[in-house]
């Protein structure tokens, strides 16, 4: 696999995961009471605990996306930029 292919892979993974995060945010924002009602029936937690768990999961998902996909994408972008500048010399 070439560096360009790996860079494209990590870039698309990061974009898709941010899209999932935005959809998750939209669902929880627009359907907060509905989602909370389902969760409260399944688990015995308070509304505050539901919000805390949801926020924690979103933060963890975002951190994992940054560490697993965005940072490698950025690193490969830097490597490609340095390689292309050395080729011009």
Protein backbone atom coordinates (compact mmCIF):
# COMPACT_ATOMS: atom_id res chain seq x y z
CA UNK A 1 0.00 0.00 0.00
CA UNK A 2 1.37 3.39 -0.92
CA UNK A 3 1.56 6.36 1.41
CA UNK A 4 -1.02 8.17 -0.69
CA UNK A 5 -3.45 5.26 -0.38
CA UNK A 6 -2.93 5.05 3.38
CA UNK A 7 -3.41 8.82 3.67
CA UNK A 8 -6.66 8.63 1.71
CA UNK A 9 -7.83 5.70 3.86
CA UNK A 10 -7.22 7.56 7.13
CA UNK A 11 -8.78 10.74 5.75
CA UNK A 12 -11.96 8.96 4.68
CA UNK A 13 -12.14 7.08 7.99
CA UNK A 14 -11.87 10.35 9.90
CA UNK A 15 -14.57 12.01 7.78
CA UNK A 16 -16.95 9.06 8.08
CA UNK A 17 -16.46 8.89 11.84
CA UNK A 18 -17.11 12.63 12.22
CA UNK A 19 -20.26 12.18 10.14
CA UNK A 20 -21.36 9.41 12.53
CA UNK A 21 -20.62 11.72 15.46
CA UNK A 22 -22.71 14.52 13.90
CA UNK A 23 -25.62 12.14 13.27
CA UNK A 24 -25.34 10.92 16.87
CA UNK A 25 -25.38 14.52 18.09
CA UNK A 26 -28.40 15.35 15.92
CA UNK A 27 -30.35 12.33 17.12
CA UNK A 28 -29.61 13.04 20.78
CA UNK A 29 -30.31 16.76 20.37
CA UNK A 30 -33.52 16.48 18.38
CA UNK A 31 -34.84 13.32 19.99
CA UNK A 32 -33.42 13.74 23.49
CA UNK A 33 -36.62 12.85 25.35
CA UNK A 34 -37.34 9.86 23.10
CA UNK A 35 -33.81 8.43 23.39
CA UNK A 36 -33.74 9.13 27.12
CA UNK A 37 -37.11 7.39 27.56
CA UNK A 38 -35.84 4.26 25.83
CA UNK A 39 -32.63 4.28 27.86
CA UNK A 40 -34.41 4.87 31.16
CA UNK A 41 -36.69 1.89 30.52
CA UNK A 42 -33.71 -0.36 29.75
CA UNK A 43 -31.40 0.89 32.49
CA UNK A 44 -32.15 2.25 35.93
CA UNK A 45 -30.29 5.55 35.68
CA UNK A 46 -31.26 9.15 36.30
CA UNK A 47 -31.63 11.77 33.59
CA UNK A 48 -28.39 13.39 34.74
CA UNK A 49 -26.55 10.09 34.55
CA UNK A 50 -27.94 9.53 31.04
CA UNK A 51 -26.61 12.90 29.89
CA UNK A 52 -23.24 12.28 31.55
CA UNK A 53 -22.86 8.84 29.97
CA UNK A 54 -23.93 10.15 26.55
CA UNK A 55 -21.47 13.06 26.74
CA UNK A 56 -18.68 10.76 27.94
CA UNK A 57 -19.29 8.33 25.08
CA UNK A 58 -19.29 11.13 22.52
CA UNK A 59 -16.05 12.54 23.95
CA UNK A 60 -14.42 9.10 23.91
CA UNK A 61 -15.58 8.45 20.35
CA UNK A 62 -14.22 11.82 19.23
CA UNK A 63 -10.88 11.26 21.02
CA UNK A 64 -10.55 7.79 19.45
CA UNK A 65 -11.30 9.25 16.02
CA UNK A 66 -8.63 11.90 16.46
CA UNK A 67 -6.01 9.45 17.75
CA UNK A 68 -6.73 6.56 15.39
CA UNK A 69 -7.54 8.36 12.14
CA UNK A 70 -6.86 12.11 12.12
CA UNK A 71 -3.34 11.99 13.62
CA UNK A 72 -2.13 9.30 11.16
CA UNK A 73 -3.73 11.29 8.31
CA UNK A 74 -1.90 14.40 9.46
CA UNK A 75 1.38 12.53 9.85
CA UNK A 76 1.16 11.00 6.39
CA UNK A 77 0.26 14.41 4.94
CA UNK A 78 3.42 15.86 6.48
CA UNK A 79 5.52 12.96 5.14
CA UNK A 80 4.11 13.43 1.64
CA UNK A 81 4.71 17.19 1.79
CA UNK A 82 8.33 16.68 2.88
CA UNK A 83 8.89 14.00 0.22
CA UNK A 84 7.50 16.21 -2.52
CA UNK A 85 9.67 19.16 -1.43
CA UNK A 86 12.80 16.94 -1.48
CA UNK A 87 11.91 15.73 -4.97
CA UNK A 88 11.86 19.33 -6.22
CA UNK A 89 15.38 20.00 -4.93
